[in-house]
Amino acid sequence: MDPVSAPDPRKDPRFRRYRGAAYGVYIALTTLFSLWIIWNVSRSVAAMTPEELPPAATTLSFQECLVGARALWDELEAGREKLVRVSPARDTDQEWMRFRTSWLARMRERESQCDLKARERAPLRTVYRRLEVVLDLYTTHAVQYADEVGGTVDSFHAAFQAASASPAATSPRP
């Protein structure tokens, strides 16, 4: 008998239905797990991202909207600068997400008051869209800082505190 045409002993035809059932269970479980992950991520993103509001009853002037955008920018920059002072540094992303959600809600309010959909307000719309892009980039930065740099910063602080507390740090120089 030709060894190439010999049936694979691991695939005994008696167990075909069990293999099919095992594949079916595997595919069903991985599909359910994937859907569960997608559902939870979608809920999390929706909770962190306030929806756009309808135009407010009274519309602010173009200049007031620019002043509001500048105030939002200043607040965003102040929040970004605080990132490096969060302790422990691994918590930076959680702290940023709290800041981001409240800041974005204020931005949505200001957008509503500025009626950015009006044709003559296209330059304002561009300013507010760019502000949101910067927010997204800062969010990426916060997550990367927490995950990639945070542990090293935390270990540096711990080493510095340990060195400061050592007897050699308090003894006079010989």
C-alpha atoms as a PDB file:
ATOM      1  CA  MET A   1       0.000   0.000   0.000  1.00  0.00           C
ATOM      2  CA  ASP A   2       1.240   3.478  -0.890  1.00  0.00           C
ATOM      3  CA  PRO A   3       2.130   5.447   2.307  1.00  0.00           C
ATOM      4  CA  VAL A   4       0.878   8.689   0.728  1.00  0.00           C
ATOM      5  CA  SER A   5      -2.669   7.414   0.342  1.00  0.00           C
ATOM      6  CA  ALA A   6      -2.867   5.894   3.819  1.00  0.00           C
ATOM      7  CA  PRO A   7      -5.545   7.580   5.942  1.00  0.00           C
ATOM      8  CA  ASP A   8      -4.393   9.728   8.826  1.00  0.00           C
ATOM      9  CA  PRO A   9      -4.889   7.638  11.965  1.00  0.00           C
ATOM     10  CA  ARG A  10      -5.609  10.799  13.996  1.00  0.00           C
ATOM     11  CA  LYS A  11      -8.737  11.426  11.885  1.00  0.00           C
ATOM     12  CA  ASP A  12     -10.639   8.278  12.590  1.00  0.00           C
ATOM     13  CA  PRO A  13     -13.958   8.463  10.662  1.00  0.00           C
ATOM     14  CA  ARG A  14     -15.795   7.195  13.734  1.00  0.00           C
ATOM     15  CA  PHE A  15     -15.099  10.482  15.494  1.00  0.00           C
ATOM     16  CA  ARG A  16     -16.040  12.824  12.631  1.00  0.00           C
ATOM     17  CA  ARG A  17     -19.255  14.012  14.297  1.00  0.00           C
ATOM     18  CA  TYR A  18     -17.380  14.764  17.550  1.00  0.00           C
ATOM     19  CA  ARG A  19     -14.746  16.758  15.675  1.00  0.00           C
ATOM     20  CA  GLY A  20     -17.529  18.685  13.944  1.00  0.00           C
ATOM     21  CA  ALA A  21     -19.199  19.363  17.295  1.00  0.00           C
ATOM     22  CA  ALA A  22     -15.896  20.502  18.826  1.00  0.00           C
ATOM     23  CA  TYR A  23     -15.290  22.879  15.893  1.00  0.00           C
ATOM     24  CA  GLY A  24     -18.851  24.179  16.197  1.00  0.00           C
ATOM     25  CA  VAL A  25     -18.502  24.803  19.937  1.00  0.00           C
ATOM     26  CA  TYR A  26     -15.130  26.500  19.393  1.00  0.00           C
ATOM     27  CA  ILE A  27     -16.503  28.803  16.667  1.00  0.00           C
ATOM     28  CA  ALA A  28     -19.597  29.616  18.740  1.00  0.00           C
ATOM     29  CA  LEU A  29     -17.556  30.465  21.845  1.00  0.00           C
ATOM     30  CA  THR A  30     -15.023  32.603  19.981  1.00  0.00           C
ATOM     31  CA  THR A  31     -17.856  34.432  18.209  1.00  0.00           C
ATOM     32  CA  LEU A  32     -19.644  35.105  21.506  1.00  0.00           C
ATOM     33  CA  PHE A  33     -16.423  36.259  23.148  1.00  0.00           C
ATOM     34  CA  SER A  34     -15.648  38.581  20.220  1.00  0.00           C
ATOM     35  CA  LEU A  35     -19.146  40.059  20.293  1.00  0.00           C
ATOM     36  CA  TRP A  36     -18.886  40.554  24.048  1.00  0.00           C
ATOM     37  CA  ILE A  37     -15.587  42.454  23.620  1.00  0.00           C
ATOM     38  CA  ILE A  38     -17.019  44.600  20.808  1.00  0.00           C
ATOM     39  CA  TRP A  39     -20.127  45.373  22.894  1.00  0.00           C
ATOM     40  CA  ASN A  40     -18.114  46.413  25.960  1.00  0.00           C
ATOM     41  CA  VAL A  41     -15.660  48.540  24.001  1.00  0.00           C
ATOM     42  CA  SER A  42     -18.535  50.271  22.204  1.00  0.00           C
ATOM     43  CA  ARG A  43     -20.299  50.993  25.508  1.00  0.00           C
ATOM     44  CA  SER A  44     -17.085  52.304  27.035  1.00  0.00           C
ATOM     45  CA  VAL A  45     -16.371  54.612  24.099  1.00  0.00           C
ATOM     46  CA  ALA A  46     -19.968  55.862  24.087  1.00  0.00           C
ATOM     47  CA  ALA A  47     -19.776  56.614  27.823  1.00  0.00           C
ATOM     48  CA  MET A  48     -16.546  58.596  27.367  1.00  0.00           C
ATOM     49  CA  THR A  49     -17.743  60.593  24.354  1.00  0.00           C
ATOM     50  CA  PRO A  50     -20.625  63.010  24.881  1.00  0.00           C
ATOM     51  CA  GLU A  51     -22.897  63.353  21.862  1.00  0.00           C
ATOM     52  CA  GLU A  52     -23.153  66.522  19.847  1.00  0.00           C
ATOM     53  CA  LEU A  53     -25.947  68.756  21.101  1.00  0.00           C
ATOM     54  CA  PRO A  54     -28.574  70.491  18.951  1.00  0.00           C
ATOM     55  CA  PRO A  55     -28.064  74.206  18.360  1.00  0.00           C
ATOM     56  CA  ALA A  56     -28.807  76.283  21.449  1.00  0.00           C
ATOM     57  CA  ALA A  57     -31.726  78.714  21.543  1.00  0.00           C
ATOM     58  CA  THR A  58     -29.362  81.689  21.530  1.00  0.00           C
ATOM     59  CA  THR A  59     -26.267  81.760  19.370  1.00  0.00           C
ATOM     60  CA  LEU A  60     -23.063  83.365  20.578  1.00  0.00           C
ATOM     61  CA  SER A  61     -21.207  85.850  18.406  1.00  0.00           C
ATOM     62  CA  PHE A  62     -18.286  84.754  16.262  1.00  0.00           C
ATOM     63  CA  GLN A  63     -15.868  86.518  18.632  1.00  0.00           C
ATOM     64  CA  GLU A  64     -17.409  84.901  21.729  1.00  0.00           C
ATOM     65  CA  CYS A  65     -16.996  81.511  20.068  1.00  0.00           C
ATOM     66  CA  LEU A  66     -13.330  82.236  19.364  1.00  0.00           C
ATOM     67  CA  VAL A  67     -12.826  83.291  22.980  1.00  0.00           C
ATOM     68  CA  GLY A  68     -14.535  80.061  24.056  1.00  0.00           C
ATOM     69  CA  ALA A  69     -12.255  78.009  21.803  1.00  0.00           C
ATOM     70  CA  ARG A  70      -9.200  79.753  23.273  1.00  0.00           C
ATOM     71  CA  ALA A  71     -10.454  79.029  26.821  1.00  0.00           C
ATOM     72  CA  LEU A  72     -10.984  75.362  25.903  1.00  0.00           C
ATOM     73  CA  TRP A  73      -7.490  75.248  24.419  1.00  0.00           C
ATOM     74  CA  ASP A  74      -5.948  76.769  27.559  1.00  0.00           C
ATOM     75  CA  GLU A  75      -7.821  74.264  29.734  1.00  0.00           C
ATOM     76  CA  LEU A  76      -6.724  71.384  27.491  1.00  0.00           C
ATOM     77  CA  GLU A  77      -3.087  72.478  27.681  1.00  0.00           C
ATOM     78  CA  ALA A  78      -3.275  72.818  31.466  1.00  0.00           C
ATOM     79  CA  GLY A  79      -4.715  69.299  31.666  1.00  0.00           C
ATOM     80  CA  ARG A  80      -1.941  67.950  29.439  1.00  0.00           C
ATOM     81  CA  GLU A  81       0.728  69.591  31.565  1.00  0.00           C
ATOM     82  CA  LYS A  82      -0.714  67.899  34.666  1.00  0.00           C
ATOM     83  CA  LEU A  83      -0.191  64.491  33.038  1.00  0.00           C
ATOM     84  CA  VAL A  84       3.458  64.291  34.017  1.00  0.00           C
ATOM     85  CA  ARG A  85       2.639  65.101  37.656  1.00  0.00           C
ATOM     86  CA  VAL A  86       0.122  62.298  38.189  1.00  0.00           C
ATOM     87  CA  SER A  87       1.345  59.857  40.796  1.00  0.00           C
ATOM     88  CA  PRO A  88       1.586  56.965  40.341  1.00  0.00           C
ATOM     89  CA  ALA A  89       2.368  57.580  36.674  1.00  0.00           C
ATOM     90  CA  ARG A  90       0.607  54.361  35.666  1.00  0.00           C
ATOM     91  CA  ASP A  91      -2.681  56.101  36.561  1.00  0.00           C
ATOM     92  CA  THR A  92      -2.151  58.837  33.981  1.00  0.00           C
ATOM     93  CA  ASP A  93      -4.544  57.339  31.456  1.00  0.00           C
ATOM     94  CA  GLN A  94      -7.377  56.980  34.000  1.00  0.00           C
ATOM     95  CA  GLU A  95      -6.891  60.537  35.223  1.00  0.00           C
ATOM     96  CA  TRP A  96      -6.828  61.805  31.636  1.00  0.00           C
ATOM     97  CA  MET A  97     -10.032  59.960  30.735  1.00  0.00           C
ATOM     98  CA  ARG A  98     -11.867  61.669  33.608  1.00  0.00           C
ATOM     99  CA  PHE A  99     -10.545  65.044  32.465  1.00  0.00           C
ATOM    100  CA  ARG A 100     -11.271  64.265  28.803  1.00  0.00           C
ATOM    101  CA  THR A 101     -14.910  63.344  29.401  1.00  0.00           C
ATOM    102  CA  SER A 102     -15.717  66.498  31.369  1.00  0.00           C
ATOM    103  CA  TRP A 103     -13.736  68.701  28.960  1.00  0.00           C
ATOM    104  CA  LEU A 104     -15.465  67.200  25.941  1.00  0.00           C
ATOM    105  CA  ALA A 105     -18.881  67.840  27.510  1.00  0.00           C
ATOM    106  CA  ARG A 106     -17.965  71.525  27.910  1.00  0.00           C
ATOM    107  CA  MET A 107     -16.753  71.628  24.321  1.00  0.00           C
ATOM    108  CA  ARG A 108     -20.035  70.112  23.081  1.00  0.00           C
ATOM    109  CA  GLU A 109     -21.935  72.808  24.993  1.00  0.00           C
ATOM    110  CA  ARG A 110     -19.832  75.542  23.409  1.00  0.00           C
ATOM    111  CA  GLU A 111     -20.292  74.027  19.939  1.00  0.00           C
ATOM    112  CA  SER A 112     -24.033  74.039  20.498  1.00  0.00           C
ATOM    113  CA  GLN A 113     -23.956  77.699  21.487  1.00  0.00           C
ATOM    114  CA  CYS A 114     -21.880  78.606  18.424  1.00  0.00           C
ATOM    115  CA  ASP A 115     -24.077  76.995  15.732  1.00  0.00           C
ATOM    116  CA  LEU A 116     -21.099  75.565  13.843  1.00  0.00           C
ATOM    117  CA  LYS A 117     -23.278  74.178  11.059  1.00  0.00           C
ATOM    118  CA  ALA A 118     -24.001  77.644   9.661  1.00  0.00           C
ATOM    119  CA  ARG A 119     -22.147  78.361   6.413  1.00  0.00           C
ATOM    120  CA  GLU A 120     -20.587  81.627   7.593  1.00  0.00           C
ATOM    121  CA  ARG A 121     -19.166  79.807  10.627  1.00  0.00           C
ATOM    122  CA  ALA A 122     -16.986  77.403   8.625  1.00  0.00           C
ATOM    123  CA  PRO A 123     -13.734  78.877  10.046  1.00  0.00           C
ATOM    124  CA  LEU A 124     -15.076  78.321  13.570  1.00  0.00           C
ATOM    125  CA  ARG A 125     -16.068  74.777  12.677  1.00  0.00           C
ATOM    126  CA  THR A 126     -12.479  74.163  11.551  1.00  0.00           C
ATOM    127  CA  VAL A 127     -11.119  75.551  14.841  1.00  0.00           C
ATOM    128  CA  TYR A 128     -13.361  73.282  16.914  1.00  0.00           C
ATOM    129  CA  ARG A 129     -12.600  70.205  14.767  1.00  0.00           C
ATOM    130  CA  ARG A 130      -8.862  70.833  15.120  1.00  0.00           C
ATOM    131  CA  LEU A 131      -9.330  71.202  18.884  1.00  0.00           C
ATOM    132  CA  GLU A 132     -10.972  67.786  18.958  1.00  0.00           C
ATOM    133  CA  VAL A 133      -8.118  66.272  16.919  1.00  0.00           C
ATOM    134  CA  VAL A 134      -5.622  67.630  19.454  1.00  0.00           C
ATOM    135  CA  LEU A 135      -7.719  66.101  22.249  1.00  0.00           C
ATOM    136  CA  ASP A 136      -7.573  62.717  20.514  1.00  0.00           C
ATOM    137  CA  LEU A 137      -3.793  62.956  20.116  1.00  0.00           C
ATOM    138  CA  TYR A 138      -3.357  63.937  23.762  1.00  0.00           C
ATOM    139  CA  THR A 139      -5.506  60.940  24.714  1.00  0.00           C
ATOM    140  CA  THR A 140      -3.174  58.664  22.758  1.00  0.00           C
ATOM    141  CA  HIS A 141      -0.230  60.336  24.483  1.00  0.00           C
ATOM    142  CA  ALA A 142      -1.739  59.772  27.951  1.00  0.00           C
ATOM    143  CA  VAL A 143      -2.308  56.082  27.283  1.00  0.00           C
ATOM    144  CA  GLN A 144       1.181  55.625  25.880  1.00  0.00           C
ATOM    145  CA  TYR A 145       2.717  57.524  28.794  1.00  0.00           C
ATOM    146  CA  ALA A 146       0.868  55.411  31.339  1.00  0.00           C
ATOM    147  CA  ASP A 147       1.701  52.118  29.651  1.00  0.00           C
ATOM    148  CA  GLU A 148       5.208  52.677  28.320  1.00  0.00           C
ATOM    149  CA  VAL A 149       6.778  55.350  30.505  1.00  0.00           C
ATOM    150  CA  GLY A 150       4.695  55.257  33.671  1.00  0.00           C
ATOM    151  CA  GLY A 151       6.304  52.191  35.227  1.00  0.00           C
ATOM    152  CA  THR A 152       9.797  53.554  34.668  1.00  0.00           C
ATOM    153  CA  VAL A 153       8.860  56.942  36.141  1.00  0.00           C
ATOM    154  CA  ASP A 154       7.292  55.248  39.165  1.00  0.00           C
ATOM    155  CA  SER A 155      10.391  53.097  39.719  1.00  0.00           C
ATOM    156  CA  PHE A 156      12.600  56.195  39.428  1.00  0.00           C
ATOM    157  CA  HIS A 157      10.566  57.965  42.120  1.00  0.00           C
ATOM    158  CA  ALA A 158      10.781  54.896  44.377  1.00  0.00           C
ATOM    159  CA  ALA A 159      14.569  54.646  43.876  1.00  0.00           C
ATOM    160  CA  PHE A 160      14.964  58.362  44.532  1.00  0.00           C
ATOM    161  CA  GLN A 161      12.964  58.146  47.766  1.00  0.00           C
ATOM    162  CA  ALA A 162      14.969  55.109  48.892  1.00  0.00           C
ATOM    163  CA  ALA A 163      18.259  56.883  48.157  1.00  0.00           C
ATOM    164  CA  SER A 164      17.079  60.013  49.972  1.00  0.00           C
ATOM    165  CA  ALA A 165      16.167  57.954  53.040  1.00  0.00           C
ATOM    166  CA  SER A 166      19.479  56.105  53.174  1.00  0.00           C
ATOM    167  CA  PRO A 167      21.976  57.004  55.936  1.00  0.00           C
ATOM    168  CA  ALA A 168      24.514  58.067  53.319  1.00  0.00           C
ATOM    169  CA  ALA A 169      22.187  60.870  52.191  1.00  0.00           C
ATOM    170  CA  THR A 170      22.088  62.426  55.680  1.00  0.00           C
ATOM    171  CA  SER A 171      25.660  61.890  56.811  1.00  0.00           C
ATOM    172  CA  PRO A 172      28.184  64.731  56.404  1.00  0.00           C
ATOM    173  CA  ARG A 173      30.729  64.498  53.611  1.00  0.00           C
ATOM    174  CA  PRO A 174      34.156  63.186  54.688  1.00  0.00           C
END
